[in-house]
PDB file of N, CA and C in Angstrom:
ATOM      1  N   MET A   1       0.342 -18.384 -16.645  1.00  0.00           N
ATOM      2  CA  MET A   1       1.709 -17.915 -16.563  1.00  0.00           C
ATOM      3  C   MET A   1       1.732 -16.583 -15.811  1.00  0.00           C
ATOM      4  N   ARG A   2       2.726 -16.370 -15.000  1.00  0.00           N
ATOM      5  CA  ARG A   2       2.763 -15.153 -14.200  1.00  0.00           C
ATOM      6  C   ARG A   2       3.271 -13.984 -15.019  1.00  0.00           C
ATOM      7  N   LYS A   3       2.816 -12.803 -14.615  1.00  0.00           N
ATOM      8  CA  LYS A   3       3.186 -11.575 -15.315  1.00  0.00           C
ATOM      9  C   LYS A   3       4.596 -11.174 -14.928  1.00  0.00           C
ATOM     10  N   ARG A   4       5.352 -10.798 -15.902  1.00  0.00           N
ATOM     11  CA  ARG A   4       6.716 -10.366 -15.653  1.00  0.00           C
ATOM     12  C   ARG A   4       6.784  -8.851 -15.774  1.00  0.00           C
ATOM     13  N   GLY A   5       7.427  -8.227 -14.830  1.00  0.00           N
ATOM     14  CA  GLY A   5       7.508  -6.771 -14.816  1.00  0.00           C
ATOM     15  C   GLY A   5       8.568  -6.251 -15.769  1.00  0.00           C
ATOM     16  N   ARG A   6       8.401  -5.019 -16.160  1.00  0.00           N
ATOM     17  CA  ARG A   6       9.387  -4.356 -17.011  1.00  0.00           C
ATOM     18  C   ARG A   6      10.378  -3.619 -16.129  1.00  0.00           C
ATOM     19  N   PRO A   7      11.474  -3.128 -16.679  1.00  0.00           N
ATOM     20  CA  PRO A   7      12.431  -2.353 -15.871  1.00  0.00           C
ATOM     21  C   PRO A   7      11.782  -1.094 -15.280  1.00  0.00           C
ATOM     22  N   ILE A   8      12.182  -0.740 -14.089  1.00  0.00           N
ATOM     23  CA  ILE A   8      11.627   0.410 -13.374  1.00  0.00           C
ATOM     24  C   ILE A   8      12.325   1.687 -13.835  1.00  0.00           C
ATOM     25  N   THR A   9      11.536   2.763 -13.994  1.00  0.00           N
ATOM     26  CA  THR A   9      12.089   4.053 -14.412  1.00  0.00           C
ATOM     27  C   THR A   9      11.983   5.062 -13.257  1.00  0.00           C
ATOM     28  N   ILE A  10      12.608   6.194 -13.421  1.00  0.00           N
ATOM     29  CA  ILE A  10      12.538   7.265 -12.420  1.00  0.00           C
ATOM     30  C   ILE A  10      11.096   7.746 -12.271  1.00  0.00           C
ATOM     31  N   ASP A  11      10.370   7.815 -13.389  1.00  0.00           N
ATOM     32  CA  ASP A  11       8.968   8.231 -13.331  1.00  0.00           C
ATOM     33  C   ASP A  11       8.125   7.251 -12.511  1.00  0.00           C
ATOM     34  N   ASP A  12       8.452   5.947 -12.601  1.00  0.00           N
ATOM     35  CA  ASP A  12       7.738   4.943 -11.793  1.00  0.00           C
ATOM     36  C   ASP A  12       7.968   5.197 -10.314  1.00  0.00           C
ATOM     37  N   VAL A  13       9.221   5.456  -9.944  1.00  0.00           N
ATOM     38  CA  VAL A  13       9.565   5.703  -8.543  1.00  0.00           C
ATOM     39  C   VAL A  13       8.832   6.944  -8.037  1.00  0.00           C
ATOM     40  N   LYS A  14       8.790   7.985  -8.850  1.00  0.00           N
ATOM     41  CA  LYS A  14       8.102   9.214  -8.470  1.00  0.00           C
ATOM     42  C   LYS A  14       6.602   8.960  -8.286  1.00  0.00           C
ATOM     43  N   PHE A  15       5.996   8.201  -9.199  1.00  0.00           N
ATOM     44  CA  PHE A  15       4.565   7.907  -9.111  1.00  0.00           C
ATOM     45  C   PHE A  15       4.259   7.109  -7.848  1.00  0.00           C
ATOM     46  N   VAL A  16       5.077   6.108  -7.550  1.00  0.00           N
ATOM     47  CA  VAL A  16       4.876   5.300  -6.343  1.00  0.00           C
ATOM     48  C   VAL A  16       5.005   6.181  -5.108  1.00  0.00           C
ATOM     49  N   TYR A  17       6.008   7.045  -5.068  1.00  0.00           N
ATOM     50  CA  TYR A  17       6.225   7.936  -3.926  1.00  0.00           C
ATOM     51  C   TYR A  17       5.015   8.830  -3.689  1.00  0.00           C
ATOM     52  N   GLU A  18       4.453   9.378  -4.767  1.00  0.00           N
ATOM     53  CA  GLU A  18       3.341  10.322  -4.639  1.00  0.00           C
ATOM     54  C   GLU A  18       2.003   9.654  -4.345  1.00  0.00           C
ATOM     55  N   ASN A  19       1.833   8.388  -4.726  1.00  0.00           N
ATOM     56  CA  ASN A  19       0.514   7.760  -4.655  1.00  0.00           C
ATOM     57  C   ASN A  19       0.410   6.567  -3.721  1.00  0.00           C
ATOM     58  N   TYR A  20       1.497   6.148  -3.095  1.00  0.00           N
ATOM     59  CA  TYR A  20       1.493   4.918  -2.307  1.00  0.00           C
ATOM     60  C   TYR A  20       0.513   4.968  -1.138  1.00  0.00           C
ATOM     61  N   ALA A  21       0.362   6.109  -0.501  1.00  0.00           N
ATOM     62  CA  ALA A  21      -0.518   6.204   0.666  1.00  0.00           C
ATOM     63  C   ALA A  21      -1.987   6.119   0.279  1.00  0.00           C
ATOM     64  N   HIS A  22      -2.307   6.459  -0.969  1.00  0.00           N
ATOM     65  CA  HIS A  22      -3.705   6.543  -1.383  1.00  0.00           C
ATOM     66  C   HIS A  22      -4.156   5.399  -2.283  1.00  0.00           C
ATOM     67  N   MET A  23      -3.225   4.628  -2.807  1.00  0.00           N
ATOM     68  CA  MET A  23      -3.566   3.535  -3.716  1.00  0.00           C
ATOM     69  C   MET A  23      -2.941   2.241  -3.216  1.00  0.00           C
ATOM     70  N   SER A  24      -3.549   1.120  -3.582  1.00  0.00           N
ATOM     71  CA  SER A  24      -2.958  -0.163  -3.218  1.00  0.00           C
ATOM     72  C   SER A  24      -1.798  -0.471  -4.167  1.00  0.00           C
ATOM     73  N   ALA A  25      -0.951  -1.391  -3.742  1.00  0.00           N
ATOM     74  CA  ALA A  25       0.183  -1.778  -4.585  1.00  0.00           C
ATOM     75  C   ALA A  25      -0.319  -2.389  -5.889  1.00  0.00           C
ATOM     76  N   ASN A  26      -1.435  -3.125  -5.831  1.00  0.00           N
ATOM     77  CA  ASN A  26      -1.997  -3.706  -7.055  1.00  0.00           C
ATOM     78  C   ASN A  26      -2.469  -2.625  -8.020  1.00  0.00           C
ATOM     79  N   GLU A  27      -3.130  -1.602  -7.492  1.00  0.00           N
ATOM     80  CA  GLU A  27      -3.612  -0.511  -8.349  1.00  0.00           C
ATOM     81  C   GLU A  27      -2.447   0.212  -9.015  1.00  0.00           C
ATOM     82  N   ILE A  28      -1.403   0.479  -8.245  1.00  0.00           N
ATOM     83  CA  ILE A  28      -0.229   1.157  -8.798  1.00  0.00           C
ATOM     84  C   ILE A  28       0.427   0.276  -9.858  1.00  0.00           C
ATOM     85  N   ALA A  29       0.557  -1.010  -9.560  1.00  0.00           N
ATOM     86  CA  ALA A  29       1.192  -1.936 -10.493  1.00  0.00           C
ATOM     87  C   ALA A  29       0.426  -1.993 -11.817  1.00  0.00           C
ATOM     88  N   GLU A  30      -0.901  -2.054 -11.744  1.00  0.00           N
ATOM     89  CA  GLU A  30      -1.710  -2.088 -12.963  1.00  0.00           C
ATOM     90  C   GLU A  30      -1.560  -0.798 -13.764  1.00  0.00           C
ATOM     91  N   LYS A  31      -1.580   0.315 -13.066  1.00  0.00           N
ATOM     92  CA  LYS A  31      -1.499   1.615 -13.742  1.00  0.00           C
ATOM     93  C   LYS A  31      -0.146   1.800 -14.443  1.00  0.00           C
ATOM     94  N   LEU A  32       0.928   1.336 -13.803  1.00  0.00           N
ATOM     95  CA  LEU A  32       2.266   1.524 -14.356  1.00  0.00           C
ATOM     96  C   LEU A  32       2.707   0.390 -15.281  1.00  0.00           C
ATOM     97  N   GLY A  33       2.050  -0.749 -15.190  1.00  0.00           N
ATOM     98  CA  GLY A  33       2.459  -1.892 -16.001  1.00  0.00           C
ATOM     99  C   GLY A  33       3.654  -2.627 -15.443  1.00  0.00           C
ATOM    100  N   ILE A  34       3.825  -2.538 -14.120  1.00  0.00           N
ATOM    101  CA  ILE A  34       4.886  -3.286 -13.440  1.00  0.00           C
ATOM    102  C   ILE A  34       4.221  -4.262 -12.478  1.00  0.00           C
ATOM    103  N   SER A  35       5.009  -5.105 -11.835  1.00  0.00           N
ATOM    104  CA  SER A  35       4.438  -6.083 -10.919  1.00  0.00           C
ATOM    105  C   SER A  35       4.267  -5.482  -9.518  1.00  0.00           C
ATOM    106  N   LYS A  36       3.395  -6.095  -8.745  1.00  0.00           N
ATOM    107  CA  LYS A  36       3.175  -5.664  -7.357  1.00  0.00           C
ATOM    108  C   LYS A  36       4.487  -5.792  -6.567  1.00  0.00           C
ATOM    109  N   PHE A  37       5.244  -6.820  -6.852  1.00  0.00           N
ATOM    110  CA  PHE A  37       6.524  -7.022  -6.186  1.00  0.00           C
ATOM    111  C   PHE A  37       7.450  -5.829  -6.440  1.00  0.00           C
ATOM    112  N   GLN A  38       7.455  -5.311  -7.679  1.00  0.00           N
ATOM    113  CA  GLN A  38       8.313  -4.170  -7.999  1.00  0.00           C
ATOM    114  C   GLN A  38       7.869  -2.919  -7.249  1.00  0.00           C
ATOM    115  N   VAL A  39       6.546  -2.750  -7.074  1.00  0.00           N
ATOM    116  CA  VAL A  39       6.039  -1.604  -6.313  1.00  0.00           C
ATOM    117  C   VAL A  39       6.541  -1.691  -4.872  1.00  0.00           C
ATOM    118  N   ASN A  40       6.396  -2.869  -4.273  1.00  0.00           N
ATOM    119  CA  ASN A  40       6.856  -3.048  -2.889  1.00  0.00           C
ATOM    120  C   ASN A  40       8.364  -2.887  -2.777  1.00  0.00           C
ATOM    121  N   LYS A  41       9.093  -3.308  -3.785  1.00  0.00           N
ATOM    122  CA  LYS A  41      10.553  -3.150  -3.776  1.00  0.00           C
ATOM    123  C   LYS A  41      10.934  -1.665  -3.825  1.00  0.00           C
ATOM    124  N   ILE A  42      10.223  -0.885  -4.641  1.00  0.00           N
ATOM    125  CA  ILE A  42      10.476   0.556  -4.705  1.00  0.00           C
ATOM    126  C   ILE A  42      10.273   1.181  -3.329  1.00  0.00           C
ATOM    127  N   VAL A  43       9.151   0.837  -2.687  1.00  0.00           N
ATOM    128  CA  VAL A  43       8.845   1.400  -1.362  1.00  0.00           C
ATOM    129  C   VAL A  43       9.928   1.003  -0.353  1.00  0.00           C
ATOM    130  N   ASN A  44      10.292  -0.258  -0.340  1.00  0.00           N
ATOM    131  CA  ASN A  44      11.317  -0.729   0.609  1.00  0.00           C
ATOM    132  C   ASN A  44      12.664  -0.058   0.369  1.00  0.00           C
ATOM    133  N   GLU A  45      13.048   0.091  -0.893  1.00  0.00           N
ATOM    134  CA  GLU A  45      14.326   0.728  -1.209  1.00  0.00           C
ATOM    135  C   GLU A  45      14.331   2.203  -0.801  1.00  0.00           C
ATOM    136  N   LEU A  46      13.223   2.901  -1.044  1.00  0.00           N
ATOM    137  CA  LEU A  46      13.158   4.311  -0.648  1.00  0.00           C
ATOM    138  C   LEU A  46      13.214   4.451   0.870  1.00  0.00           C
ATOM    139  N   ARG A  47      12.494   3.604   1.582  1.00  0.00           N
ATOM    140  CA  ARG A  47      12.525   3.656   3.050  1.00  0.00           C
ATOM    141  C   ARG A  47      13.923   3.355   3.576  1.00  0.00           C
ATOM    142  N   LYS A  48      14.601   2.407   2.933  1.00  0.00           N
ATOM    143  CA  LYS A  48      15.963   2.049   3.345  1.00  0.00           C
ATOM    144  C   LYS A  48      16.913   3.230   3.182  1.00  0.00           C
ATOM    145  N   ARG A  49      16.634   4.074   2.203  1.00  0.00           N
ATOM    146  CA  ARG A  49      17.482   5.233   1.935  1.00  0.00           C
ATOM    147  C   ARG A  49      17.042   6.472   2.711  1.00  0.00           C
ATOM    148  N   GLY A  50      16.086   6.310   3.625  1.00  0.00           N
ATOM    149  CA  GLY A  50      15.686   7.398   4.500  1.00  0.00           C
ATOM    150  C   GLY A  50      14.550   8.263   4.000  1.00  0.00           C
ATOM    151  N   VAL A  51      13.904   7.873   2.900  1.00  0.00           N
ATOM    152  CA  VAL A  51      12.773   8.643   2.381  1.00  0.00           C
ATOM    153  C   VAL A  51      11.536   8.292   3.212  1.00  0.00           C
ATOM    154  N   ASN A  52      10.830   9.329   3.640  1.00  0.00           N
ATOM    155  CA  ASN A  52       9.653   9.111   4.483  1.00  0.00           C
ATOM    156  C   ASN A  52       8.426   8.859   3.606  1.00  0.00           C
ATOM    157  N   ILE A  53       8.089   7.591   3.417  1.00  0.00           N
ATOM    158  CA  ILE A  53       6.877   7.234   2.675  1.00  0.00           C
ATOM    159  C   ILE A  53       5.825   6.875   3.716  1.00  0.00           C
ATOM    160  N   PRO A  54       4.689   7.581   3.691  1.00  0.00           N
ATOM    161  CA  PRO A  54       3.675   7.330   4.716  1.00  0.00           C
ATOM    162  C   PRO A  54       3.077   5.940   4.607  1.00  0.00           C
ATOM    163  N   LYS A  55       2.635   5.446   5.740  1.00  0.00           N
ATOM    164  CA  LYS A  55       1.937   4.168   5.761  1.00  0.00           C
ATOM    165  C   LYS A  55       0.609   4.338   5.048  1.00  0.00           C
ATOM    166  N   LYS A  56      -0.029   3.236   4.756  1.00  0.00           N
ATOM    167  CA  LYS A  56      -1.322   3.269   4.088  1.00  0.00           C
ATOM    168  C   LYS A  56      -2.336   4.014   4.932  1.00  0.00           C
ATOM    169  N   ILE A  57      -3.153   4.842   4.285  1.00  0.00           N
ATOM    170  CA  ILE A  57      -4.184   5.590   4.993  1.00  0.00           C
ATOM    171  C   ILE A  57      -5.424   4.732   5.179  1.00  0.00           C
ATOM    172  N   GLY A  58      -5.833   4.043   4.148  1.00  0.00           N
ATOM    173  CA  GLY A  58      -7.062   3.255   4.204  1.00  0.00           C
ATOM    174  C   GLY A  58      -6.825   1.825   4.625  1.00  0.00           C
ATOM    175  N   LYS A  59      -6.318   1.634   5.819  1.00  0.00           N
ATOM    176  CA  LYS A  59      -6.075   0.281   6.286  1.00  0.00           C
ATOM    177  C   LYS A  59      -7.382  -0.440   6.537  1.00  0.00           C
ATOM    178  N   LYS A  60      -7.344  -1.759   6.451  1.00  0.00           N
ATOM    179  CA  LYS A  60      -8.526  -2.564   6.703  1.00  0.00           C
ATOM    180  C   LYS A  60      -8.928  -2.441   8.164  1.00  0.00           C
ATOM    181  N   VAL A  61     -10.219  -2.420   8.404  1.00  0.00           N
ATOM    182  CA  VAL A  61     -10.734  -2.345   9.763  1.00  0.00           C
ATOM    183  C   VAL A  61     -10.769  -3.749  10.339  1.00  0.00           C
ATOM    184  N   ASN A  62     -10.275  -3.893  11.536  1.00  0.00           N
ATOM    185  CA  ASN A  62     -10.339  -5.177  12.213  1.00  0.00           C
ATOM    186  C   ASN A  62     -11.777  -5.377  12.674  1.00  0.00           C
ATOM    187  N   VAL A  63     -12.486  -6.325  12.080  1.00  0.00           N
ATOM    188  CA  VAL A  63     -13.915  -6.498  12.354  1.00  0.00           C
ATOM    189  C   VAL A  63     -14.165  -6.911  13.800  1.00  0.00           C
ATOM    190  N   TYR A  64     -13.247  -7.623  14.403  1.00  0.00           N
ATOM    191  CA  TYR A  64     -13.429  -8.054  15.790  1.00  0.00           C
ATOM    192  C   TYR A  64     -13.368  -6.868  16.738  1.00  0.00           C
ATOM    193  N   ASP A  65     -12.393  -5.982  16.514  1.00  0.00           N
ATOM    194  CA  ASP A  65     -12.296  -4.779  17.345  1.00  0.00           C
ATOM    195  C   ASP A  65     -13.518  -3.889  17.156  1.00  0.00           C
ATOM    196  N   ALA A  66     -13.979  -3.769  15.919  1.00  0.00           N
ATOM    197  CA  ALA A  66     -15.157  -2.956  15.638  1.00  0.00           C
ATOM    198  C   ALA A  66     -16.389  -3.536  16.326  1.00  0.00           C
ATOM    199  N   PHE A  67     -16.498  -4.852  16.341  1.00  0.00           N
ATOM    200  CA  PHE A  67     -17.638  -5.501  16.988  1.00  0.00           C
ATOM    201  C   PHE A  67     -17.619  -5.288  18.495  1.00  0.00           C
ATOM    202  N   VAL A  68     -16.443  -5.411  19.093  1.00  0.00           N
ATOM    203  CA  VAL A  68     -16.309  -5.204  20.537  1.00  0.00           C
ATOM    204  C   VAL A  68     -16.647  -3.750  20.880  1.00  0.00           C
ATOM    205  N   GLU A  69     -16.195  -2.800  20.073  1.00  0.00           N
ATOM    206  CA  GLU A  69     -16.523  -1.392  20.299  1.00  0.00           C
ATOM    207  C   GLU A  69     -18.034  -1.166  20.223  1.00  0.00           C
ATOM    208  N   GLN A  70     -18.680  -1.832  19.272  1.00  0.00           N
ATOM    209  CA  GLN A  70     -20.122  -1.704  19.121  1.00  0.00           C
ATOM    210  C   GLN A  70     -20.840  -2.258  20.358  1.00  0.00           C
ATOM    211  N   LEU A  71     -20.365  -3.386  20.869  1.00  0.00           N
ATOM    212  CA  LEU A  71     -20.958  -3.967  22.078  1.00  0.00           C
ATOM    213  C   LEU A  71     -20.783  -3.040  23.273  1.00  0.00           C
ATOM    214  N   LYS A  72     -19.609  -2.408  23.373  1.00  0.00           N
ATOM    215  CA  LYS A  72     -19.372  -1.477  24.485  1.00  0.00           C
ATOM    216  C   LYS A  72     -20.306  -0.286  24.401  1.00  0.00           C
ATOM    217  N   LYS A  73     -20.534   0.227  23.187  1.00  0.00           N
ATOM    218  CA  LYS A  73     -21.440   1.360  23.030  1.00  0.00           C
ATOM    219  C   LYS A  73     -22.872   1.005  23.416  1.00  0.00           C
ATOM    220  N   GLU A  74     -23.261  -0.239  23.135  1.00  0.00           N
ATOM    221  CA  GLU A  74     -24.612  -0.682  23.461  1.00  0.00           C
ATOM    222  C   GLU A  74     -24.743  -1.102  24.920  1.00  0.00           C
ATOM    223  N   GLY A  75     -23.630  -1.142  25.644  1.00  0.00           N
ATOM    224  CA  GLY A  75     -23.652  -1.514  27.049  1.00  0.00           C
ATOM    225  C   GLY A  75     -23.777  -3.009  27.300  1.00  0.00           C
ATOM    226  N   LYS A  76     -23.446  -3.814  26.302  1.00  0.00           N
ATOM    227  CA  LYS A  76     -23.563  -5.274  26.428  1.00  0.00           C
ATOM    228  C   LYS A  76     -22.226  -5.917  26.755  1.00  0.00           C
ATOM    229  N   PHE A  77     -21.232  -5.134  26.971  1.00  0.00           N
ATOM    230  CA  PHE A  77     -19.894  -5.703  27.240  1.00  0.00           C
ATOM    231  C   PHE A  77     -19.331  -5.106  28.484  1.00  0.00           C
TER     232      PHE A  77
END
């Protein structure tokens, strides 16, 4: 059965605002006891209202681009 989120509070919104760039939506959801969907909804609603929430800092590295860069450094490309 899927987890159902609880109502969002002002403290939840503040926590998401302060930690979104450094934590994943799953980590925030687990810590607050809300669903990942609710975390993403908070972010989307704040952005819609003009609040500047930074993009994720620790984005996944594209392994193909990294491999091509490695080949260029080795002079094989």
